[in-house]
């Protein structure tokens, strides 16, 4: 059982599955805790569920790419042949 209190902005590791997450919001009136996993998935927990988790505090991940792992190069658009205007002094000239 978790003896750690949830704190917005803090990172935790679930020792049961190894997943990292950050507490992003809390609603004390509803008794809910919103967490965002490193991979980008968001989940809402009630305080009873939080208490059942086996957690440890951890530092924020240094690898910022976690939420973007699913992107492939085609998702980034045409990065090889970027459009550059002929006349940089009037960038609006190319628009109709």
PDB file of N, CA and C in Angstrom:
ATOM      1  N   UNK A   1       0.831  -1.189   0.000  1.00  0.00           N
ATOM      2  CA  UNK A   1       0.000   0.000   0.000  1.00  0.00           C
ATOM      3  C   UNK A   1       0.877   1.254   0.000  1.00  0.00           C
ATOM      4  N   UNK A   2       0.401   2.267  -0.693  1.00  0.00           N
ATOM      5  CA  UNK A   2       1.163   3.501  -0.812  1.00  0.00           C
ATOM      6  C   UNK A   2       1.000   4.347   0.437  1.00  0.00           C
ATOM      7  N   UNK A   3       2.142   4.719   0.995  1.00  0.00           N
ATOM      8  CA  UNK A   3       2.140   5.649   2.114  1.00  0.00           C
ATOM      9  C   UNK A   3       2.504   7.046   1.637  1.00  0.00           C
ATOM     10  N   UNK A   4       2.785   7.177   0.330  1.00  0.00           N
ATOM     11  CA  UNK A   4       3.156   8.457  -0.249  1.00  0.00           C
ATOM     12  C   UNK A   4       1.906   9.250  -0.587  1.00  0.00           C
ATOM     13  N   UNK A   5       1.887  10.488  -0.170  1.00  0.00           N
ATOM     14  CA  UNK A   5       0.769  11.359  -0.521  1.00  0.00           C
ATOM     15  C   UNK A   5       0.979  11.889  -1.934  1.00  0.00           C
ATOM     16  N   UNK A   6      -0.081  11.967  -2.721  1.00  0.00           N
ATOM     17  CA  UNK A   6       0.075  12.520  -4.072  1.00  0.00           C
ATOM     18  C   UNK A   6       0.349  14.013  -4.009  1.00  0.00           C
ATOM     19  N   UNK A   7       1.245  14.466  -4.867  1.00  0.00           N
ATOM     20  CA  UNK A   7       1.584  15.881  -4.927  1.00  0.00           C
ATOM     21  C   UNK A   7       1.692  16.279  -6.391  1.00  0.00           C
ATOM     22  N   UNK A   8       0.943  17.293  -6.795  1.00  0.00           N
ATOM     23  CA  UNK A   8       0.955  17.758  -8.180  1.00  0.00           C
ATOM     24  C   UNK A   8       2.378  18.173  -8.557  1.00  0.00           C
ATOM     25  N   UNK A   9       2.835  17.665  -9.706  1.00  0.00           N
ATOM     26  CA  UNK A   9       4.163  17.973 -10.200  1.00  0.00           C
ATOM     27  C   UNK A   9       5.217  16.960  -9.800  1.00  0.00           C
ATOM     28  N   UNK A  10       4.873  16.037  -8.910  1.00  0.00           N
ATOM     29  CA  UNK A  10       5.827  15.017  -8.475  1.00  0.00           C
ATOM     30  C   UNK A  10       5.732  13.790  -9.359  1.00  0.00           C
ATOM     31  N   UNK A  11       6.876  13.115  -9.523  1.00  0.00           N
ATOM     32  CA  UNK A  11       6.963  11.897 -10.328  1.00  0.00           C
ATOM     33  C   UNK A  11       7.065  10.695  -9.415  1.00  0.00           C
ATOM     34  N   UNK A  12       6.417   9.597  -9.846  1.00  0.00           N
ATOM     35  CA  UNK A  12       6.390   8.359  -9.082  1.00  0.00           C
ATOM     36  C   UNK A  12       6.663   7.187 -10.019  1.00  0.00           C
ATOM     37  N   UNK A  13       7.154   6.099  -9.432  1.00  0.00           N
ATOM     38  CA  UNK A  13       7.302   4.841 -10.166  1.00  0.00           C
ATOM     39  C   UNK A  13       6.393   3.833  -9.478  1.00  0.00           C
ATOM     40  N   UNK A  14       5.554   3.183 -10.286  1.00  0.00           N
ATOM     41  CA  UNK A  14       4.722   2.095  -9.780  1.00  0.00           C
ATOM     42  C   UNK A  14       5.615   0.862  -9.715  1.00  0.00           C
ATOM     43  N   UNK A  15       5.880   0.370  -8.524  1.00  0.00           N
ATOM     44  CA  UNK A  15       6.808  -0.751  -8.357  1.00  0.00           C
ATOM     45  C   UNK A  15       6.228  -2.073  -8.839  1.00  0.00           C
ATOM     46  N   UNK A  16       4.935  -2.119  -9.061  1.00  0.00           N
ATOM     47  CA  UNK A  16       4.317  -3.359  -9.554  1.00  0.00           C
ATOM     48  C   UNK A  16       4.527  -3.544 -11.053  1.00  0.00           C
ATOM     49  N   UNK A  17       4.456  -2.448 -11.822  1.00  0.00           N
ATOM     50  CA  UNK A  17       4.624  -2.573 -13.279  1.00  0.00           C
ATOM     51  C   UNK A  17       5.788  -1.743 -13.824  1.00  0.00           C
ATOM     52  N   UNK A  18       6.437  -0.950 -12.983  1.00  0.00           N
ATOM     53  CA  UNK A  18       7.605  -0.184 -13.390  1.00  0.00           C
ATOM     54  C   UNK A  18       7.316   1.102 -14.143  1.00  0.00           C
ATOM     55  N   UNK A  19       6.049   1.430 -14.342  1.00  0.00           N
ATOM     56  CA  UNK A  19       5.706   2.620 -15.129  1.00  0.00           C
ATOM     57  C   UNK A  19       5.940   3.898 -14.337  1.00  0.00           C
ATOM     58  N   UNK A  20       6.424   4.923 -15.034  1.00  0.00           N
ATOM     59  CA  UNK A  20       6.628   6.244 -14.454  1.00  0.00           C
ATOM     60  C   UNK A  20       5.422   7.112 -14.745  1.00  0.00           C
ATOM     61  N   UNK A  21       5.056   7.942 -13.783  1.00  0.00           N
ATOM     62  CA  UNK A  21       3.965   8.888 -14.019  1.00  0.00           C
ATOM     63  C   UNK A  21       4.138  10.112 -13.148  1.00  0.00           C
ATOM     64  N   UNK A  22       3.457  11.179 -13.566  1.00  0.00           N
ATOM     65  CA  UNK A  22       3.452  12.444 -12.840  1.00  0.00           C
ATOM     66  C   UNK A  22       2.028  12.731 -12.392  1.00  0.00           C
ATOM     67  N   UNK A  23       1.879  13.250 -11.196  1.00  0.00           N
ATOM     68  CA  UNK A  23       0.565  13.716 -10.746  1.00  0.00           C
ATOM     69  C   UNK A  23       0.359  15.084 -11.373  1.00  0.00           C
ATOM     70  N   UNK A  24      -0.689  15.216 -12.202  1.00  0.00           N
ATOM     71  CA  UNK A  24      -0.903  16.468 -12.928  1.00  0.00           C
ATOM     72  C   UNK A  24      -2.061  17.292 -12.366  1.00  0.00           C
ATOM     73  N   UNK A  25      -2.949  16.658 -11.588  1.00  0.00           N
ATOM     74  CA  UNK A  25      -4.059  17.405 -11.005  1.00  0.00           C
ATOM     75  C   UNK A  25      -4.673  16.604  -9.869  1.00  0.00           C
ATOM     76  N   UNK A  26      -5.272  17.327  -8.950  1.00  0.00           N
ATOM     77  CA  UNK A  26      -5.997  16.688  -7.850  1.00  0.00           C
ATOM     78  C   UNK A  26      -7.283  17.461  -7.613  1.00  0.00           C
ATOM     79  N   UNK A  27      -8.342  16.737  -7.312  1.00  0.00           N
ATOM     80  CA  UNK A  27      -9.617  17.350  -6.965  1.00  0.00           C
ATOM     81  C   UNK A  27     -10.024  16.798  -5.606  1.00  0.00           C
ATOM     82  N   UNK A  28      -9.756  17.569  -4.585  1.00  0.00           N
ATOM     83  CA  UNK A  28     -10.039  17.102  -3.235  1.00  0.00           C
ATOM     84  C   UNK A  28     -11.534  16.955  -2.983  1.00  0.00           C
ATOM     85  N   UNK A  29     -12.348  17.763  -3.649  1.00  0.00           N
ATOM     86  CA  UNK A  29     -13.807  17.657  -3.475  1.00  0.00           C
ATOM     87  C   UNK A  29     -14.327  16.320  -3.991  1.00  0.00           C
ATOM     88  N   UNK A  30     -13.819  15.890  -5.166  1.00  0.00           N
ATOM     89  CA  UNK A  30     -14.242  14.616  -5.753  1.00  0.00           C
ATOM     90  C   UNK A  30     -13.415  13.441  -5.256  1.00  0.00           C
ATOM     91  N   UNK A  31     -12.276  13.736  -4.627  1.00  0.00           N
ATOM     92  CA  UNK A  31     -11.386  12.672  -4.168  1.00  0.00           C
ATOM     93  C   UNK A  31     -10.693  11.955  -5.308  1.00  0.00           C
ATOM     94  N   UNK A  32     -10.322  12.717  -6.359  1.00  0.00           N
ATOM     95  CA  UNK A  32      -9.672  12.109  -7.516  1.00  0.00           C
ATOM     96  C   UNK A  32      -8.275  12.680  -7.712  1.00  0.00           C
ATOM     97  N   UNK A  33      -7.443  11.870  -8.317  1.00  0.00           N
ATOM     98  CA  UNK A  33      -6.064  12.225  -8.624  1.00  0.00           C
ATOM     99  C   UNK A  33      -5.849  11.915 -10.100  1.00  0.00           C
ATOM    100  N   UNK A  34      -5.422  12.907 -10.865  1.00  0.00           N
ATOM    101  CA  UNK A  34      -5.173  12.701 -12.289  1.00  0.00           C
ATOM    102  C   UNK A  34      -3.671  12.537 -12.493  1.00  0.00           C
ATOM    103  N   UNK A  35      -3.296  11.442 -13.157  1.00  0.00           N
ATOM    104  CA  UNK A  35      -1.886  11.163 -13.408  1.00  0.00           C
ATOM    105  C   UNK A  35      -1.650  11.059 -14.903  1.00  0.00           C
ATOM    106  N   UNK A  36      -0.424  11.361 -15.304  1.00  0.00           N
ATOM    107  CA  UNK A  36      -0.032  11.202 -16.699  1.00  0.00           C
ATOM    108  C   UNK A  36       1.213  10.345 -16.733  1.00  0.00           C
ATOM    109  N   UNK A  37       1.097   9.211 -17.428  1.00  0.00           N
ATOM    110  CA  UNK A  37       2.220   8.313 -17.570  1.00  0.00           C
ATOM    111  C   UNK A  37       3.249   8.929 -18.502  1.00  0.00           C
ATOM    112  N   UNK A  38       4.496   8.499 -18.355  1.00  0.00           N
ATOM    113  CA  UNK A  38       5.587   8.992 -19.187  1.00  0.00           C
ATOM    114  C   UNK A  38       5.278   8.821 -20.662  1.00  0.00           C
ATOM    115  N   UNK A  39       4.554   7.747 -21.015  1.00  0.00           N
ATOM    116  CA  UNK A  39       4.225   7.485 -22.416  1.00  0.00           C
ATOM    117  C   UNK A  39       3.076   8.349 -22.916  1.00  0.00           C
ATOM    118  N   UNK A  40       2.530   9.248 -22.080  1.00  0.00           N
ATOM    119  CA  UNK A  40       1.512  10.212 -22.459  1.00  0.00           C
ATOM    120  C   UNK A  40       0.099   9.853 -22.031  1.00  0.00           C
ATOM    121  N   UNK A  41      -0.187   8.632 -21.677  1.00  0.00           N
ATOM    122  CA  UNK A  41      -1.532   8.220 -21.278  1.00  0.00           C
ATOM    123  C   UNK A  41      -1.933   8.919 -19.982  1.00  0.00           C
ATOM    124  N   UNK A  42      -3.177   9.396 -19.919  1.00  0.00           N
ATOM    125  CA  UNK A  42      -3.700  10.070 -18.737  1.00  0.00           C
ATOM    126  C   UNK A  42      -4.732   9.160 -18.080  1.00  0.00           C
ATOM    127  N   UNK A  43      -4.695   9.122 -16.754  1.00  0.00           N
ATOM    128  CA  UNK A  43      -5.625   8.272 -16.010  1.00  0.00           C
ATOM    129  C   UNK A  43      -6.079   9.019 -14.764  1.00  0.00           C
ATOM    130  N   UNK A  44      -7.323   8.789 -14.388  1.00  0.00           N
ATOM    131  CA  UNK A  44      -7.858   9.381 -13.173  1.00  0.00           C
ATOM    132  C   UNK A  44      -8.065   8.279 -12.144  1.00  0.00           C
ATOM    133  N   UNK A  45      -7.528   8.489 -10.943  1.00  0.00           N
ATOM    134  CA  UNK A  45      -7.635   7.515  -9.868  1.00  0.00           C
ATOM    135  C   UNK A  45      -8.432   8.112  -8.717  1.00  0.00           C
ATOM    136  N   UNK A  46      -9.126   7.265  -7.983  1.00  0.00           N
ATOM    137  CA  UNK A  46      -9.718   7.752  -6.743  1.00  0.00           C
ATOM    138  C   UNK A  46      -8.711   7.538  -5.621  1.00  0.00           C
ATOM    139  N   UNK A  47      -8.946   8.138  -4.474  1.00  0.00           N
ATOM    140  CA  UNK A  47      -7.970   8.066  -3.392  1.00  0.00           C
ATOM    141  C   UNK A  47      -7.802   6.643  -2.863  1.00  0.00           C
ATOM    142  N   UNK A  48      -8.830   5.818  -2.925  1.00  0.00           N
ATOM    143  CA  UNK A  48      -8.704   4.426  -2.495  1.00  0.00           C
ATOM    144  C   UNK A  48      -7.749   3.661  -3.400  1.00  0.00           C
ATOM    145  N   UNK A  49      -7.869   3.867  -4.712  1.00  0.00           N
ATOM    146  CA  UNK A  49      -6.982   3.204  -5.671  1.00  0.00           C
ATOM    147  C   UNK A  49      -5.548   3.676  -5.468  1.00  0.00           C
ATOM    148  N   UNK A  50      -5.366   4.984  -5.255  1.00  0.00           N
ATOM    149  CA  UNK A  50      -4.025   5.510  -4.992  1.00  0.00           C
ATOM    150  C   UNK A  50      -3.409   4.789  -3.787  1.00  0.00           C
ATOM    151  N   UNK A  51      -4.179   4.629  -2.737  1.00  0.00           N
ATOM    152  CA  UNK A  51      -3.685   3.990  -1.522  1.00  0.00           C
ATOM    153  C   UNK A  51      -3.275   2.544  -1.719  1.00  0.00           C
ATOM    154  N   UNK A  52      -3.799   1.880  -2.736  1.00  0.00           N
ATOM    155  CA  UNK A  52      -3.460   0.483  -3.012  1.00  0.00           C
ATOM    156  C   UNK A  52      -2.193   0.328  -3.854  1.00  0.00           C
ATOM    157  N   UNK A  53      -1.716   1.423  -4.456  1.00  0.00           N
ATOM    158  CA  UNK A  53      -0.540   1.354  -5.313  1.00  0.00           C
ATOM    159  C   UNK A  53       0.734   1.195  -4.482  1.00  0.00           C
ATOM    160  N   UNK A  54       1.705   0.494  -5.046  1.00  0.00           N
ATOM    161  CA  UNK A  54       3.028   0.361  -4.438  1.00  0.00           C
ATOM    162  C   UNK A  54       3.941   1.310  -5.205  1.00  0.00           C
ATOM    163  N   UNK A  55       4.292   2.436  -4.570  1.00  0.00           N
ATOM    164  CA  UNK A  55       4.960   3.526  -5.263  1.00  0.00           C
ATOM    165  C   UNK A  55       6.261   3.923  -4.585  1.00  0.00           C
ATOM    166  N   UNK A  56       7.107   4.594  -5.383  1.00  0.00           N
ATOM    167  CA  UNK A  56       8.265   5.288  -4.840  1.00  0.00           C
ATOM    168  C   UNK A  56       8.389   6.616  -5.570  1.00  0.00           C
ATOM    169  N   UNK A  57       8.909   7.628  -4.851  1.00  0.00           N
ATOM    170  CA  UNK A  57       9.222   8.892  -5.507  1.00  0.00           C
ATOM    171  C   UNK A  57      10.347   8.647  -6.492  1.00  0.00           C
ATOM    172  N   UNK A  58      10.355   9.396  -7.591  1.00  0.00           N
ATOM    173  CA  UNK A  58      11.449   9.317  -8.555  1.00  0.00           C
ATOM    174  C   UNK A  58      11.643  10.696  -9.177  1.00  0.00           C
ATOM    175  N   UNK A  59      12.793  10.896  -9.752  1.00  0.00           N
ATOM    176  CA  UNK A  59      13.062  12.149 -10.449  1.00  0.00           C
ATOM    177  C   UNK A  59      12.345  12.140 -11.793  1.00  0.00           C
ATOM    178  N   UNK A  60      12.074  13.323 -12.297  1.00  0.00           N
ATOM    179  CA  UNK A  60      11.475  13.427 -13.631  1.00  0.00           C
ATOM    180  C   UNK A  60      12.423  12.804 -14.647  1.00  0.00           C
ATOM    181  N   UNK A  61      11.894  12.087 -15.634  1.00  0.00           N
ATOM    182  CA  UNK A  61      12.764  11.455 -16.629  1.00  0.00           C
ATOM    183  C   UNK A  61      13.565  12.490 -17.415  1.00  0.00           C
ATOM    184  N   UNK A  62      14.818  12.158 -17.702  1.00  0.00           N
ATOM    185  CA  UNK A  62      15.652  13.041 -18.514  1.00  0.00           C
ATOM    186  C   UNK A  62      15.317  12.907 -19.990  1.00  0.00           C
ATOM    187  N   UNK A  63      14.820  11.746 -20.391  1.00  0.00           N
ATOM    188  CA  UNK A  63      14.468  11.488 -21.785  1.00  0.00           C
ATOM    189  C   UNK A  63      13.079  12.055 -22.056  1.00  0.00           C
ATOM    190  N   UNK A  64      13.015  13.189 -22.730  1.00  0.00           N
ATOM    191  CA  UNK A  64      11.746  13.873 -22.982  1.00  0.00           C
ATOM    192  C   UNK A  64      10.920  13.195 -24.071  1.00  0.00           C
ATOM    193  N   UNK A  65      11.479  12.211 -24.781  1.00  0.00           N
ATOM    194  CA  UNK A  65      10.813  11.668 -25.961  1.00  0.00           C
ATOM    195  C   UNK A  65       9.719  10.648 -25.661  1.00  0.00           C
ATOM    196  N   UNK A  66       9.501  10.284 -24.410  1.00  0.00           N
ATOM    197  CA  UNK A  66       8.519   9.254 -24.068  1.00  0.00           C
ATOM    198  C   UNK A  66       7.161   9.422 -24.727  1.00  0.00           C
ATOM    199  N   UNK A  67       6.531  10.587 -24.614  1.00  0.00           N
ATOM    200  CA  UNK A  67       5.222  10.767 -25.227  1.00  0.00           C
ATOM    201  C   UNK A  67       5.248  10.756 -26.754  1.00  0.00           C
ATOM    202  N   UNK A  68       6.427  10.870 -27.345  1.00  0.00           N
ATOM    203  CA  UNK A  68       6.539  10.965 -28.796  1.00  0.00           C
ATOM    204  C   UNK A  68       7.059   9.688 -29.436  1.00  0.00           C
ATOM    205  N   UNK A  69       7.206   8.618 -28.657  1.00  0.00           N
ATOM    206  CA  UNK A  69       7.738   7.359 -29.193  1.00  0.00           C
ATOM    207  C   UNK A  69       6.896   6.796 -30.330  1.00  0.00           C
ATOM    208  N   UNK A  70       5.596   7.070 -30.328  1.00  0.00           N
ATOM    209  CA  UNK A  70       4.720   6.507 -31.344  1.00  0.00           C
ATOM    210  C   UNK A  70       4.781   7.253 -32.670  1.00  0.00           C
ATOM    211  N   UNK A  71       5.399   8.424 -32.685  1.00  0.00           N
ATOM    212  CA  UNK A  71       5.483   9.194 -33.924  1.00  0.00           C
ATOM    213  C   UNK A  71       6.513   8.578 -34.857  1.00  0.00           C
ATOM    214  N   UNK A  72       6.209   8.620 -36.125  1.00  0.00           N
ATOM    215  CA  UNK A  72       7.176   8.186 -37.119  1.00  0.00           C
ATOM    216  C   UNK A  72       7.569   9.400 -37.950  1.00  0.00           C
ATOM    217  N   UNK A  73       8.611   9.276 -38.727  1.00  0.00           N
ATOM    218  CA  UNK A  73       9.121  10.439 -39.447  1.00  0.00           C
ATOM    219  C   UNK A  73       8.081  11.070 -40.373  1.00  0.00           C
ATOM    220  N   UNK A  74       7.155  10.281 -40.925  1.00  0.00           N
ATOM    221  CA  UNK A  74       6.122  10.849 -41.798  1.00  0.00           C
ATOM    222  C   UNK A  74       5.194  11.795 -41.045  1.00  0.00           C
ATOM    223  N   UNK A  75       5.073  11.628 -39.749  1.00  0.00           N
ATOM    224  CA  UNK A  75       4.216  12.501 -38.959  1.00  0.00           C
ATOM    225  C   UNK A  75       4.789  13.899 -38.819  1.00  0.00           C
ATOM    226  N   UNK A  76       6.064  14.040 -39.090  1.00  0.00           N
ATOM    227  CA  UNK A  76       6.731  15.319 -38.911  1.00  0.00           C
ATOM    228  C   UNK A  76       6.609  16.232 -40.125  1.00  0.00           C
ATOM    229  N   UNK A  77       6.004  15.767 -41.182  1.00  0.00           N
ATOM    230  CA  UNK A  77       5.869  16.577 -42.380  1.00  0.00           C
ATOM    231  C   UNK A  77       7.101  16.477 -43.261  1.00  0.00           C
ATOM    232  N   UNK A  78       7.175  17.315 -44.249  1.00  0.00           N
ATOM    233  CA  UNK A  78       8.278  17.296 -45.207  1.00  0.00           C
ATOM    234  C   UNK A  78       9.449  18.085 -44.632  1.00  0.00           C
ATOM    235  N   UNK A  79      10.369  17.386 -44.000  1.00  0.00           N
ATOM    236  CA  UNK A  79      11.509  18.068 -43.387  1.00  0.00           C
ATOM    237  C   UNK A  79      12.729  18.102 -44.297  1.00  0.00           C
ATOM    238  N   UNK A  80      12.741  17.277 -45.339  1.00  0.00           N
ATOM    239  CA  UNK A  80      13.908  17.246 -46.229  1.00  0.00           C
ATOM    240  C   UNK A  80      13.888  18.379 -47.243  1.00  0.00           C
ATOM    241  N   UNK A  81      12.728  18.717 -47.754  1.00  0.00           N
ATOM    242  CA  UNK A  81      12.613  19.761 -48.770  1.00  0.00           C
ATOM    243  C   UNK A  81      11.742  20.900 -48.248  1.00  0.00           C
ATOM    244  N   UNK A  82      12.209  21.546 -47.224  1.00  0.00           N
ATOM    245  CA  UNK A  82      11.441  22.643 -46.634  1.00  0.00           C
ATOM    246  C   UNK A  82      11.353  23.807 -47.610  1.00  0.00           C
ATOM    247  N   UNK A  83      10.230  24.500 -47.592  1.00  0.00           N
ATOM    248  CA  UNK A  83      10.012  25.652 -48.471  1.00  0.00           C
ATOM    249  C   UNK A  83      10.675  26.886 -47.859  1.00  0.00           C
ATOM    250  N   UNK A  84      11.522  27.525 -48.648  1.00  0.00           N
ATOM    251  CA  UNK A  84      12.160  28.767 -48.222  1.00  0.00           C
ATOM    252  C   UNK A  84      11.823  29.828 -49.255  1.00  0.00           C
ATOM    253  N   UNK A  85      11.288  30.948 -48.815  1.00  0.00           N
ATOM    254  CA  UNK A  85      10.928  32.004 -49.764  1.00  0.00           C
ATOM    255  C   UNK A  85      12.160  32.580 -50.461  1.00  0.00           C
ATOM    256  N   UNK A  86      11.963  33.014 -51.699  1.00  0.00           N
ATOM    257  CA  UNK A  86      13.044  33.623 -52.458  1.00  0.00           C
ATOM    258  C   UNK A  86      13.440  34.967 -51.850  1.00  0.00           C
ATOM    259  N   UNK A  87      12.441  35.701 -51.404  1.00  0.00           N
ATOM    260  CA  UNK A  87      12.680  37.036 -50.879  1.00  0.00           C
ATOM    261  C   UNK A  87      12.329  37.045 -49.388  1.00  0.00           C
ATOM    262  N   UNK A  88      13.323  37.010 -48.536  1.00  0.00           N
ATOM    263  CA  UNK A  88      13.094  36.968 -47.086  1.00  0.00           C
ATOM    264  C   UNK A  88      12.616  38.318 -46.551  1.00  0.00           C
ATOM    265  N   UNK A  89      12.762  39.377 -47.304  1.00  0.00           N
ATOM    266  CA  UNK A  89      12.371  40.702 -46.808  1.00  0.00           C
ATOM    267  C   UNK A  89      10.856  40.890 -46.826  1.00  0.00           C
ATOM    268  N   UNK A  90      10.139  40.092 -47.610  1.00  0.00           N
ATOM    269  CA  UNK A  90       8.679  40.211 -47.663  1.00  0.00           C
ATOM    270  C   UNK A  90       8.063  38.808 -47.615  1.00  0.00           C
ATOM    271  N   UNK A  91       7.992  38.182 -46.441  1.00  0.00           N
ATOM    272  CA  UNK A  91       7.508  36.801 -46.357  1.00  0.00           C
ATOM    273  C   UNK A  91       6.025  36.653 -46.733  1.00  0.00           C
ATOM    274  N   UNK A  92       5.249  37.714 -46.669  1.00  0.00           N
ATOM    275  CA  UNK A  92       3.833  37.624 -46.998  1.00  0.00           C
ATOM    276  C   UNK A  92       3.592  37.634 -48.512  1.00  0.00           C
ATOM    277  N   UNK A  93       4.594  37.939 -49.296  1.00  0.00           N
ATOM    278  CA  UNK A  93       4.453  37.999 -50.740  1.00  0.00           C
ATOM    279  C   UNK A  93       4.051  36.649 -51.334  1.00  0.00           C
ATOM    280  N   UNK A  94       4.478  35.545 -50.720  1.00  0.00           N
ATOM    281  CA  UNK A  94       4.176  34.227 -51.248  1.00  0.00           C
ATOM    282  C   UNK A  94       2.732  33.771 -51.004  1.00  0.00           C
ATOM    283  N   UNK A  95       1.997  34.487 -50.171  1.00  0.00           N
ATOM    284  CA  UNK A  95       0.613  34.125 -49.873  1.00  0.00           C
ATOM    285  C   UNK A  95      -0.357  34.870 -50.764  1.00  0.00           C
ATOM    286  N   UNK A  96      -1.399  34.170 -51.164  1.00  0.00           N
ATOM    287  CA  UNK A  96      -2.440  34.805 -51.994  1.00  0.00           C
ATOM    288  C   UNK A  96      -3.451  35.512 -51.153  1.00  0.00           C
TER     289      UNK A  96
END
